[in-house]
Amino acid sequence: MGLPASGKSRLARRWARKHDFSYFNFDKVQKQFFGIAESARGGGHDSLPSEQSVPDMNRRTYDALLAYARQELMAGRTVVLDAVYGARQERNYLLELAVELKVTPYFVLCYCSERATKARMDDRTSAGRPGYAAHWHLFKKQQEELDPLDDLEPTMVVSVNTENPTEQLLEQLDYAFEKRDPVTVVMK
């Protein structure tokens, strides 16, 4: 879990690949679910008819992530969900699923300094990379709208500063989950 350009997707993808965990990325699921071209920036919100469509599109994408997680967990696989999960309600849906399936969810909170975030955004913009949705003003709005994590037990959250090298972050996650069973991991 984490804001755009926090490094969550890179870390989530690499950690899931390292351990052969099931991995679902919010933007990719959203594009597939709504038939948006893979080359569209970010979640493809630019392809929508109006701003009113964005909340519904996001709600339905989180529902799809939840359905994928349910399917994988019921098959006995560990799941990594790569999305912001900044809203308490989205986390609550995951917590309810965990109770229902008798698994313990963990949240990896990815963060970095605003300077690093801005530099990452600038790099993505100048490179014209597809899959990039966050502009600075949208980032600041999302940052203001984040719900506190007080709905999560402290033992359920692992915080990582993604300004550190990826290999070091992977080791940090391995160490953090060494004594835990990472059944459902959410990269915020």
N, C-alpha and C. Protein backbone atom coordinates (compact mmCIF):
# COMPACT_ATOMS: atom_id res chain seq x y z
N MET A 1 0.84 -1.16 0.00
CA MET A 1 0.00 0.00 0.00
C MET A 1 0.89 1.22 0.00
N GLY A 2 0.41 2.26 -0.57
CA GLY A 2 1.18 3.50 -0.65
C GLY A 2 0.67 4.35 -1.79
N LEU A 3 1.06 5.57 -1.76
CA LEU A 3 0.63 6.52 -2.79
C LEU A 3 1.33 6.23 -4.12
N PRO A 4 0.84 6.82 -5.19
CA PRO A 4 1.53 6.68 -6.47
C PRO A 4 2.98 7.14 -6.35
N ALA A 5 3.85 6.47 -7.05
CA ALA A 5 5.29 6.75 -7.08
C ALA A 5 5.97 6.46 -5.75
N SER A 6 5.32 5.68 -4.89
CA SER A 6 5.93 5.32 -3.60
C SER A 6 6.86 4.11 -3.74
N GLY A 7 6.87 3.47 -4.89
CA GLY A 7 7.71 2.30 -5.09
C GLY A 7 7.01 0.99 -4.80
N LYS A 8 5.71 1.04 -4.53
CA LYS A 8 4.98 -0.17 -4.14
C LYS A 8 4.90 -1.20 -5.25
N SER A 9 4.67 -0.77 -6.48
CA SER A 9 4.49 -1.73 -7.57
C SER A 9 5.79 -2.48 -7.88
N ARG A 10 6.88 -1.75 -7.94
CA ARG A 10 8.17 -2.40 -8.21
C ARG A 10 8.47 -3.43 -7.12
N LEU A 11 8.29 -3.03 -5.86
CA LEU A 11 8.59 -3.93 -4.75
C LEU A 11 7.62 -5.11 -4.71
N ALA A 12 6.33 -4.83 -4.89
CA ALA A 12 5.33 -5.91 -4.85
C ALA A 12 5.58 -6.93 -5.95
N ARG A 13 5.84 -6.45 -7.14
CA ARG A 13 6.09 -7.34 -8.28
C ARG A 13 7.33 -8.21 -8.05
N ARG A 14 8.41 -7.57 -7.59
CA ARG A 14 9.66 -8.30 -7.36
C ARG A 14 9.51 -9.31 -6.23
N TRP A 15 8.84 -8.94 -5.15
CA TRP A 15 8.70 -9.85 -4.01
C TRP A 15 7.80 -11.02 -4.36
N ALA A 16 6.72 -10.75 -5.07
CA ALA A 16 5.82 -11.83 -5.50
C ALA A 16 6.55 -12.79 -6.43
N ARG A 17 7.32 -12.24 -7.36
CA ARG A 17 8.07 -13.09 -8.30
C ARG A 17 9.11 -13.93 -7.55
N LYS A 18 9.80 -13.33 -6.60
CA LYS A 18 10.84 -14.03 -5.83
C LYS A 18 10.28 -15.26 -5.12
N HIS A 19 9.04 -15.16 -4.62
CA HIS A 19 8.45 -16.24 -3.83
C HIS A 19 7.35 -17.00 -4.55
N ASP A 20 7.15 -16.68 -5.81
CA ASP A 20 6.10 -17.33 -6.62
C ASP A 20 4.72 -17.15 -5.98
N PHE A 21 4.45 -15.94 -5.49
CA PHE A 21 3.15 -15.59 -4.95
C PHE A 21 2.27 -15.08 -6.08
N SER A 22 0.97 -15.21 -5.93
CA SER A 22 0.04 -14.61 -6.89
C SER A 22 0.11 -13.10 -6.72
N TYR A 23 0.07 -12.37 -7.83
CA TYR A 23 0.25 -10.92 -7.80
C TYR A 23 -0.80 -10.24 -8.67
N PHE A 24 -1.46 -9.23 -8.11
CA PHE A 24 -2.46 -8.47 -8.85
C PHE A 24 -2.21 -6.98 -8.65
N ASN A 25 -2.06 -6.27 -9.75
CA ASN A 25 -1.80 -4.83 -9.75
C ASN A 25 -3.09 -4.08 -10.09
N PHE A 26 -3.42 -3.08 -9.30
CA PHE A 26 -4.65 -2.32 -9.46
C PHE A 26 -4.82 -1.78 -10.88
N ASP A 27 -3.79 -1.09 -11.40
CA ASP A 27 -3.92 -0.48 -12.73
C ASP A 27 -4.14 -1.52 -13.82
N LYS A 28 -3.41 -2.64 -13.73
CA LYS A 28 -3.57 -3.69 -14.75
C LYS A 28 -4.95 -4.34 -14.67
N VAL A 29 -5.40 -4.61 -13.46
CA VAL A 29 -6.73 -5.21 -13.29
C VAL A 29 -7.79 -4.24 -13.82
N GLN A 30 -7.63 -2.96 -13.52
CA GLN A 30 -8.59 -1.96 -13.98
C GLN A 30 -8.64 -1.91 -15.51
N LYS A 31 -7.50 -1.93 -16.14
CA LYS A 31 -7.46 -1.89 -17.61
C LYS A 31 -8.13 -3.13 -18.21
N GLN A 32 -7.81 -4.29 -17.67
CA GLN A 32 -8.42 -5.52 -18.18
C GLN A 32 -9.92 -5.52 -17.94
N PHE A 33 -10.32 -5.14 -16.76
CA PHE A 33 -11.73 -5.17 -16.36
C PHE A 33 -12.58 -4.24 -17.22
N PHE A 34 -12.03 -3.08 -17.58
CA PHE A 34 -12.79 -2.09 -18.33
C PHE A 34 -12.41 -2.04 -19.81
N GLY A 35 -11.57 -2.96 -20.27
CA GLY A 35 -11.21 -3.00 -21.68
C GLY A 35 -10.41 -1.80 -22.13
N ILE A 36 -9.56 -1.29 -21.26
CA ILE A 36 -8.72 -0.13 -21.58
C ILE A 36 -7.40 -0.64 -22.13
N ALA A 37 -6.89 0.01 -23.14
CA ALA A 37 -5.63 -0.40 -23.76
C ALA A 37 -4.51 -0.43 -22.73
N GLU A 38 -3.67 -1.44 -22.82
CA GLU A 38 -2.54 -1.59 -21.89
C GLU A 38 -1.63 -0.37 -21.93
N SER A 39 -1.57 0.30 -23.07
CA SER A 39 -0.69 1.46 -23.22
C SER A 39 -1.27 2.73 -22.60
N ALA A 40 -2.53 2.68 -22.15
CA ALA A 40 -3.14 3.86 -21.51
C ALA A 40 -2.40 4.16 -20.22
N ARG A 41 -2.28 5.42 -19.90
CA ARG A 41 -1.55 5.83 -18.71
C ARG A 41 -2.31 5.45 -17.44
N GLY A 42 -1.58 4.96 -16.44
CA GLY A 42 -2.17 4.65 -15.14
C GLY A 42 -3.33 3.68 -15.26
N GLY A 43 -4.38 3.96 -14.54
CA GLY A 43 -5.57 3.11 -14.58
C GLY A 43 -6.45 3.39 -15.77
N GLY A 44 -6.04 4.31 -16.63
CA GLY A 44 -6.82 4.60 -17.82
C GLY A 44 -7.94 5.58 -17.58
N HIS A 45 -7.87 6.35 -16.49
CA HIS A 45 -8.94 7.31 -16.19
C HIS A 45 -9.12 8.32 -17.32
N ASP A 46 -8.05 8.60 -18.08
CA ASP A 46 -8.16 9.54 -19.19
C ASP A 46 -9.10 9.02 -20.27
N SER A 47 -9.35 7.71 -20.28
CA SER A 47 -10.21 7.10 -21.29
C SER A 47 -11.68 7.12 -20.89
N LEU A 48 -11.98 7.60 -19.70
CA LEU A 48 -13.36 7.59 -19.21
C LEU A 48 -14.16 8.77 -19.77
N PRO A 49 -15.48 8.61 -19.85
CA PRO A 49 -16.31 9.69 -20.36
C PRO A 49 -16.40 10.89 -19.42
N SER A 50 -16.30 10.69 -18.11
CA SER A 50 -16.41 11.82 -17.18
C SER A 50 -15.74 11.50 -15.86
N GLU A 51 -15.45 12.55 -15.09
CA GLU A 51 -14.84 12.37 -13.77
C GLU A 51 -15.76 11.58 -12.84
N GLN A 52 -17.06 11.66 -13.04
CA GLN A 52 -17.99 10.93 -12.18
C GLN A 52 -17.78 9.43 -12.29
N SER A 53 -17.21 8.99 -13.38
CA SER A 53 -17.01 7.56 -13.59
C SER A 53 -15.85 7.01 -12.76
N VAL A 54 -14.92 7.86 -12.36
CA VAL A 54 -13.71 7.39 -11.69
C VAL A 54 -14.01 6.68 -10.36
N PRO A 55 -14.80 7.25 -9.45
CA PRO A 55 -15.07 6.52 -8.19
C PRO A 55 -15.71 5.15 -8.42
N ASP A 56 -16.66 5.07 -9.35
CA ASP A 56 -17.30 3.79 -9.64
C ASP A 56 -16.29 2.81 -10.24
N MET A 57 -15.46 3.30 -11.12
CA MET A 57 -14.43 2.46 -11.74
C MET A 57 -13.46 1.93 -10.68
N ASN A 58 -13.05 2.80 -9.77
CA ASN A 58 -12.15 2.37 -8.70
C ASN A 58 -12.83 1.35 -7.78
N ARG A 59 -14.08 1.61 -7.41
CA ARG A 59 -14.83 0.70 -6.54
C ARG A 59 -14.90 -0.69 -7.17
N ARG A 60 -15.23 -0.74 -8.44
CA ARG A 60 -15.35 -2.02 -9.14
C ARG A 60 -13.99 -2.70 -9.29
N THR A 61 -12.93 -1.92 -9.41
CA THR A 61 -11.59 -2.52 -9.50
C THR A 61 -11.18 -3.13 -8.17
N TYR A 62 -11.45 -2.43 -7.07
CA TYR A 62 -11.16 -3.00 -5.75
C TYR A 62 -11.98 -4.27 -5.52
N ASP A 63 -13.23 -4.28 -5.99
CA ASP A 63 -14.05 -5.49 -5.89
C ASP A 63 -13.42 -6.64 -6.67
N ALA A 64 -12.89 -6.33 -7.85
CA ALA A 64 -12.24 -7.37 -8.67
C ALA A 64 -10.98 -7.89 -7.96
N LEU A 65 -10.19 -7.00 -7.36
CA LEU A 65 -9.01 -7.44 -6.61
C LEU A 65 -9.43 -8.36 -5.47
N LEU A 66 -10.50 -8.01 -4.79
CA LEU A 66 -11.00 -8.84 -3.69
C LEU A 66 -11.42 -10.21 -4.19
N ALA A 67 -12.07 -10.26 -5.34
CA ALA A 67 -12.50 -11.54 -5.92
C ALA A 67 -11.29 -12.39 -6.31
N TYR A 68 -10.28 -11.76 -6.90
CA TYR A 68 -9.06 -12.50 -7.26
C TYR A 68 -8.38 -13.03 -6.00
N ALA A 69 -8.31 -12.20 -4.96
CA ALA A 69 -7.69 -12.63 -3.70
C ALA A 69 -8.45 -13.82 -3.12
N ARG A 70 -9.77 -13.75 -3.11
CA ARG A 70 -10.59 -14.85 -2.60
C ARG A 70 -10.27 -16.14 -3.35
N GLN A 71 -10.25 -16.07 -4.65
CA GLN A 71 -10.00 -17.25 -5.49
C GLN A 71 -8.63 -17.86 -5.18
N GLU A 72 -7.62 -17.03 -5.11
CA GLU A 72 -6.26 -17.52 -4.87
C GLU A 72 -6.12 -18.08 -3.45
N LEU A 73 -6.66 -17.38 -2.47
CA LEU A 73 -6.58 -17.84 -1.09
C LEU A 73 -7.31 -19.16 -0.89
N MET A 74 -8.46 -19.30 -1.52
CA MET A 74 -9.21 -20.56 -1.41
C MET A 74 -8.45 -21.71 -2.05
N ALA A 75 -7.57 -21.39 -3.00
CA ALA A 75 -6.74 -22.41 -3.63
C ALA A 75 -5.44 -22.64 -2.85
N GLY A 76 -5.30 -21.93 -1.71
CA GLY A 76 -4.13 -22.14 -0.85
C GLY A 76 -2.90 -21.35 -1.26
N ARG A 77 -3.07 -20.34 -2.09
CA ARG A 77 -1.92 -19.55 -2.55
C ARG A 77 -1.82 -18.23 -1.79
N THR A 78 -0.60 -17.76 -1.63
CA THR A 78 -0.34 -16.45 -1.05
C THR A 78 -0.60 -15.40 -2.12
N VAL A 79 -1.19 -14.29 -1.71
CA VAL A 79 -1.59 -13.24 -2.65
C VAL A 79 -0.93 -11.92 -2.28
N VAL A 80 -0.41 -11.22 -3.29
CA VAL A 80 0.09 -9.86 -3.13
C VAL A 80 -0.81 -8.95 -3.95
N LEU A 81 -1.47 -8.01 -3.27
CA LEU A 81 -2.33 -7.04 -3.93
C LEU A 81 -1.61 -5.70 -3.95
N ASP A 82 -1.42 -5.16 -5.13
CA ASP A 82 -0.66 -3.94 -5.33
C ASP A 82 -1.64 -2.80 -5.65
N ALA A 83 -1.98 -2.03 -4.62
CA ALA A 83 -2.93 -0.92 -4.78
C ALA A 83 -2.72 0.06 -3.63
N VAL A 84 -3.33 1.22 -3.73
CA VAL A 84 -3.17 2.26 -2.71
C VAL A 84 -3.77 1.82 -1.37
N TYR A 85 -4.97 1.31 -1.35
CA TYR A 85 -5.68 0.94 -0.13
C TYR A 85 -5.63 2.05 0.93
N GLY A 86 -5.81 3.27 0.47
CA GLY A 86 -5.80 4.42 1.37
C GLY A 86 -7.10 4.64 2.11
N ALA A 87 -8.18 4.05 1.61
CA ALA A 87 -9.49 4.20 2.25
C ALA A 87 -9.72 3.06 3.24
N ARG A 88 -10.13 3.43 4.43
CA ARG A 88 -10.41 2.45 5.48
C ARG A 88 -11.39 1.38 4.99
N GLN A 89 -12.41 1.79 4.24
CA GLN A 89 -13.42 0.84 3.78
C GLN A 89 -12.81 -0.24 2.89
N GLU A 90 -11.87 0.12 2.03
CA GLU A 90 -11.23 -0.88 1.17
C GLU A 90 -10.45 -1.89 2.02
N ARG A 91 -9.78 -1.40 3.03
CA ARG A 91 -9.05 -2.30 3.94
C ARG A 91 -10.03 -3.18 4.71
N ASN A 92 -11.17 -2.61 5.11
CA ASN A 92 -12.17 -3.39 5.85
C ASN A 92 -12.70 -4.56 5.04
N TYR A 93 -12.90 -4.35 3.74
CA TYR A 93 -13.34 -5.46 2.89
C TYR A 93 -12.31 -6.60 2.91
N LEU A 94 -11.03 -6.24 2.90
CA LEU A 94 -9.98 -7.26 2.98
C LEU A 94 -9.98 -7.95 4.34
N LEU A 95 -10.16 -7.17 5.38
CA LEU A 95 -10.18 -7.74 6.73
C LEU A 95 -11.36 -8.70 6.88
N GLU A 96 -12.51 -8.35 6.33
CA GLU A 96 -13.67 -9.24 6.37
C GLU A 96 -13.40 -10.54 5.62
N LEU A 97 -12.76 -10.44 4.47
CA LEU A 97 -12.40 -11.64 3.71
C LEU A 97 -11.44 -12.51 4.52
N ALA A 98 -10.47 -11.89 5.16
CA ALA A 98 -9.51 -12.64 5.96
C ALA A 98 -10.19 -13.39 7.10
N VAL A 99 -11.13 -12.75 7.76
CA VAL A 99 -11.88 -13.42 8.84
C VAL A 99 -12.67 -14.59 8.27
N GLU A 100 -13.34 -14.35 7.16
CA GLU A 100 -14.14 -15.40 6.53
C GLU A 100 -13.29 -16.61 6.16
N LEU A 101 -12.10 -16.36 5.62
CA LEU A 101 -11.24 -17.46 5.15
C LEU A 101 -10.23 -17.92 6.21
N LYS A 102 -10.29 -17.29 7.39
CA LYS A 102 -9.40 -17.64 8.50
C LYS A 102 -7.92 -17.52 8.12
N VAL A 103 -7.58 -16.38 7.52
CA VAL A 103 -6.19 -16.07 7.19
C VAL A 103 -5.84 -14.73 7.83
N THR A 104 -4.56 -14.46 7.96
CA THR A 104 -4.12 -13.19 8.51
C THR A 104 -3.57 -12.32 7.39
N PRO A 105 -4.18 -11.16 7.19
CA PRO A 105 -3.65 -10.27 6.15
C PRO A 105 -2.53 -9.40 6.72
N TYR A 106 -1.60 -9.05 5.86
CA TYR A 106 -0.53 -8.12 6.23
C TYR A 106 -0.51 -7.01 5.20
N PHE A 107 -0.16 -5.84 5.66
CA PHE A 107 -0.10 -4.67 4.80
C PHE A 107 1.33 -4.14 4.79
N VAL A 108 1.88 -3.97 3.62
CA VAL A 108 3.21 -3.39 3.49
C VAL A 108 3.01 -1.95 3.06
N LEU A 109 3.33 -1.04 3.96
CA LEU A 109 3.18 0.39 3.69
C LEU A 109 4.47 0.90 3.06
N CYS A 110 4.41 1.23 1.79
CA CYS A 110 5.56 1.75 1.06
C CYS A 110 5.52 3.27 1.10
N TYR A 111 6.63 3.87 1.45
CA TYR A 111 6.69 5.33 1.52
C TYR A 111 8.06 5.81 1.09
N CYS A 112 8.12 7.08 0.74
CA CYS A 112 9.39 7.75 0.45
C CYS A 112 9.17 9.24 0.66
N SER A 113 10.23 10.00 0.61
CA SER A 113 10.11 11.44 0.82
C SER A 113 9.36 12.08 -0.35
N GLU A 114 8.81 13.27 -0.10
CA GLU A 114 8.13 13.98 -1.19
C GLU A 114 9.12 14.31 -2.31
N ARG A 115 10.37 14.59 -1.94
CA ARG A 115 11.38 14.89 -2.96
C ARG A 115 11.59 13.68 -3.87
N ALA A 116 11.68 12.49 -3.28
CA ALA A 116 11.85 11.27 -4.09
C ALA A 116 10.60 11.01 -4.93
N THR A 117 9.43 11.24 -4.34
CA THR A 117 8.18 11.05 -5.08
C THR A 117 8.14 11.97 -6.29
N LYS A 118 8.44 13.25 -6.08
CA LYS A 118 8.42 14.23 -7.17
C LYS A 118 9.42 13.84 -8.25
N ALA A 119 10.61 13.41 -7.84
CA ALA A 119 11.63 13.00 -8.82
C ALA A 119 11.15 11.80 -9.63
N ARG A 120 10.52 10.84 -8.98
CA ARG A 120 9.99 9.67 -9.69
C ARG A 120 8.91 10.07 -10.68
N MET A 121 8.03 10.97 -10.25
CA MET A 121 6.97 11.44 -11.14
C MET A 121 7.57 12.17 -12.35
N ASP A 122 8.55 13.03 -12.09
CA ASP A 122 9.19 13.77 -13.18
C ASP A 122 9.88 12.82 -14.14
N ASP A 123 10.56 11.79 -13.62
CA ASP A 123 11.22 10.79 -14.47
C ASP A 123 10.22 10.07 -15.35
N ARG A 124 9.10 9.68 -14.78
CA ARG A 124 8.08 8.96 -15.54
C ARG A 124 7.47 9.85 -16.62
N THR A 125 7.22 11.09 -16.25
CA THR A 125 6.63 12.02 -17.21
C THR A 125 7.58 12.28 -18.36
N SER A 126 8.85 12.55 -18.05
CA SER A 126 9.81 12.86 -19.11
C SER A 126 10.11 11.65 -19.97
N ALA A 127 9.98 10.45 -19.40
CA ALA A 127 10.22 9.23 -20.18
C ALA A 127 8.98 8.84 -20.99
N GLY A 128 7.85 9.50 -20.72
CA GLY A 128 6.61 9.17 -21.43
C GLY A 128 6.16 7.75 -21.19
N ARG A 129 6.45 7.24 -20.00
CA ARG A 129 6.12 5.85 -19.69
C ARG A 129 4.63 5.62 -19.61
N PRO A 130 4.15 4.57 -20.30
CA PRO A 130 2.75 4.22 -20.13
C PRO A 130 2.55 3.66 -18.72
N GLY A 131 1.32 3.72 -18.26
CA GLY A 131 1.03 3.19 -16.93
C GLY A 131 1.25 4.21 -15.85
N TYR A 132 1.40 5.49 -16.22
CA TYR A 132 1.63 6.52 -15.23
C TYR A 132 0.43 7.44 -15.13
N ALA A 133 -0.23 7.45 -13.98
CA ALA A 133 -1.45 8.24 -13.83
C ALA A 133 -1.30 9.43 -12.90
N ALA A 134 -0.35 9.38 -12.00
CA ALA A 134 -0.30 10.38 -10.94
C ALA A 134 0.45 11.63 -11.36
N HIS A 135 -0.23 12.73 -11.33
CA HIS A 135 0.40 14.03 -11.49
C HIS A 135 0.48 14.62 -10.09
N TRP A 136 1.36 15.60 -9.91
CA TRP A 136 1.63 16.10 -8.57
C TRP A 136 0.36 16.57 -7.87
N HIS A 137 -0.53 17.30 -8.54
CA HIS A 137 -1.74 17.80 -7.87
C HIS A 137 -2.66 16.65 -7.47
N LEU A 138 -2.71 15.60 -8.26
CA LEU A 138 -3.51 14.43 -7.89
C LEU A 138 -2.88 13.69 -6.72
N PHE A 139 -1.55 13.63 -6.74
CA PHE A 139 -0.83 13.00 -5.63
C PHE A 139 -1.16 13.72 -4.32
N LYS A 140 -1.08 15.05 -4.34
CA LYS A 140 -1.34 15.81 -3.12
C LYS A 140 -2.78 15.60 -2.64
N LYS A 141 -3.71 15.52 -3.57
CA LYS A 141 -5.12 15.27 -3.21
C LYS A 141 -5.27 13.89 -2.56
N GLN A 142 -4.64 12.88 -3.17
CA GLN A 142 -4.71 11.53 -2.60
C GLN A 142 -4.06 11.50 -1.22
N GLN A 143 -2.96 12.21 -1.08
CA GLN A 143 -2.26 12.25 0.20
C GLN A 143 -3.17 12.82 1.30
N GLU A 144 -3.92 13.86 0.97
CA GLU A 144 -4.83 14.48 1.93
C GLU A 144 -6.00 13.57 2.27
N GLU A 145 -6.41 12.72 1.34
CA GLU A 145 -7.59 11.87 1.53
C GLU A 145 -7.29 10.54 2.21
N LEU A 146 -6.02 10.24 2.48
CA LEU A 146 -5.67 8.97 3.11
C LEU A 146 -6.31 8.85 4.49
N ASP A 147 -6.93 7.71 4.73
CA ASP A 147 -7.45 7.43 6.06
C ASP A 147 -6.31 6.91 6.93
N PRO A 148 -6.31 7.26 8.23
CA PRO A 148 -5.27 6.72 9.11
C PRO A 148 -5.37 5.19 9.18
N LEU A 149 -4.27 4.57 9.54
CA LEU A 149 -4.22 3.10 9.59
C LEU A 149 -4.66 2.55 10.94
N ASP A 150 -5.42 3.31 11.71
CA ASP A 150 -5.81 2.88 13.04
C ASP A 150 -6.79 1.70 13.04
N ASP A 151 -7.25 1.30 11.87
CA ASP A 151 -8.11 0.12 11.77
C ASP A 151 -7.31 -1.17 11.71
N LEU A 152 -5.99 -1.05 11.57
CA LEU A 152 -5.13 -2.23 11.44
C LEU A 152 -4.32 -2.43 12.72
N GLU A 153 -4.19 -3.69 13.12
CA GLU A 153 -3.33 -4.02 14.25
C GLU A 153 -1.88 -3.69 13.86
N PRO A 154 -1.09 -3.15 14.77
CA PRO A 154 0.31 -2.83 14.44
C PRO A 154 1.09 -4.02 13.88
N THR A 155 0.76 -5.23 14.34
CA THR A 155 1.47 -6.42 13.86
C THR A 155 1.12 -6.77 12.42
N MET A 156 0.08 -6.13 11.88
CA MET A 156 -0.35 -6.40 10.51
C MET A 156 0.34 -5.49 9.49
N VAL A 157 1.08 -4.49 9.97
CA VAL A 157 1.66 -3.49 9.07
C VAL A 157 3.19 -3.55 9.12
N VAL A 158 3.78 -3.62 7.95
CA VAL A 158 5.24 -3.53 7.80
C VAL A 158 5.49 -2.29 6.95
N SER A 159 6.25 -1.34 7.49
CA SER A 159 6.55 -0.11 6.75
C SER A 159 7.94 -0.19 6.15
N VAL A 160 8.05 0.21 4.88
CA VAL A 160 9.35 0.19 4.22
C VAL A 160 9.58 1.51 3.49
N ASN A 161 10.78 2.04 3.65
CA ASN A 161 11.19 3.24 2.94
C ASN A 161 11.77 2.82 1.60
N THR A 162 11.05 3.09 0.53
CA THR A 162 11.45 2.60 -0.79
C THR A 162 12.57 3.41 -1.43
N GLU A 163 13.15 4.33 -0.68
CA GLU A 163 14.34 5.02 -1.19
C GLU A 163 15.57 4.12 -1.03
N ASN A 164 15.43 3.06 -0.25
CA ASN A 164 16.51 2.09 -0.09
C ASN A 164 16.56 1.18 -1.32
N PRO A 165 17.71 0.55 -1.57
CA PRO A 165 17.83 -0.35 -2.74
C PRO A 165 16.82 -1.50 -2.67
N THR A 166 16.31 -1.88 -3.83
CA THR A 166 15.28 -2.92 -3.90
C THR A 166 15.71 -4.21 -3.24
N GLU A 167 16.95 -4.64 -3.46
CA GLU A 167 17.42 -5.89 -2.85
C GLU A 167 17.37 -5.81 -1.33
N GLN A 168 17.71 -4.66 -0.78
CA GLN A 168 17.63 -4.46 0.67
C GLN A 168 16.18 -4.53 1.13
N LEU A 169 15.27 -3.95 0.35
CA LEU A 169 13.84 -3.99 0.71
C LEU A 169 13.30 -5.41 0.67
N LEU A 170 13.73 -6.19 -0.32
CA LEU A 170 13.30 -7.59 -0.41
C LEU A 170 13.78 -8.36 0.81
N GLU A 171 15.01 -8.12 1.23
CA GLU A 171 15.53 -8.77 2.43
C GLU A 171 14.75 -8.33 3.66
N GLN A 172 14.40 -7.04 3.72
CA GLN A 172 13.62 -6.53 4.85
C GLN A 172 12.26 -7.22 4.92
N LEU A 173 11.61 -7.40 3.78
CA LEU A 173 10.32 -8.10 3.77
C LEU A 173 10.49 -9.56 4.17
N ASP A 174 11.51 -10.21 3.63
CA ASP A 174 11.75 -11.61 4.00
C ASP A 174 11.95 -11.74 5.50
N TYR A 175 12.73 -10.83 6.08
CA TYR A 175 12.97 -10.87 7.52
C TYR A 175 11.67 -10.60 8.29
N ALA A 176 10.90 -9.62 7.85
CA ALA A 176 9.65 -9.26 8.53
C ALA A 176 8.66 -10.41 8.52
N PHE A 177 8.66 -11.19 7.45
CA PHE A 177 7.68 -12.27 7.33
C PHE A 177 8.26 -13.64 7.67
N GLU A 178 9.50 -13.66 8.13
CA GLU A 178 10.16 -14.92 8.47
C GLU A 178 9.37 -15.70 9.53
N LYS A 179 8.83 -15.01 10.50
CA LYS A 179 8.11 -15.67 11.58
C LYS A 179 6.59 -15.54 11.41
N ARG A 180 6.18 -15.03 10.27
CA ARG A 180 4.75 -14.88 9.98
C ARG A 180 4.44 -15.72 8.75
N ASP A 181 3.19 -16.00 8.57
CA ASP A 181 2.75 -16.71 7.37
C ASP A 181 2.11 -15.68 6.45
N PRO A 182 2.86 -15.19 5.45
CA PRO A 182 2.32 -14.12 4.60
C PRO A 182 1.28 -14.64 3.62
N VAL A 183 0.09 -14.90 4.10
CA VAL A 183 -0.95 -15.45 3.24
C VAL A 183 -1.50 -14.38 2.31
N THR A 184 -1.84 -13.24 2.84
CA THR A 184 -2.33 -12.14 2.01
C THR A 184 -1.48 -10.92 2.31
N VAL A 185 -0.81 -10.43 1.32
CA VAL A 185 0.03 -9.26 1.50
C VAL A 185 -0.49 -8.16 0.60
N VAL A 186 -0.72 -7.02 1.17
CA VAL A 186 -1.21 -5.88 0.40
C VAL A 186 -0.12 -4.84 0.36
N MET A 187 0.32 -4.49 -0.84
CA MET A 187 1.27 -3.41 -0.98
C MET A 187 0.47 -2.14 -1.16
N LYS A 188 0.58 -1.26 -0.23
CA LYS A 188 -0.19 -0.02 -0.31
C LYS A 188 0.61 1.04 -1.02
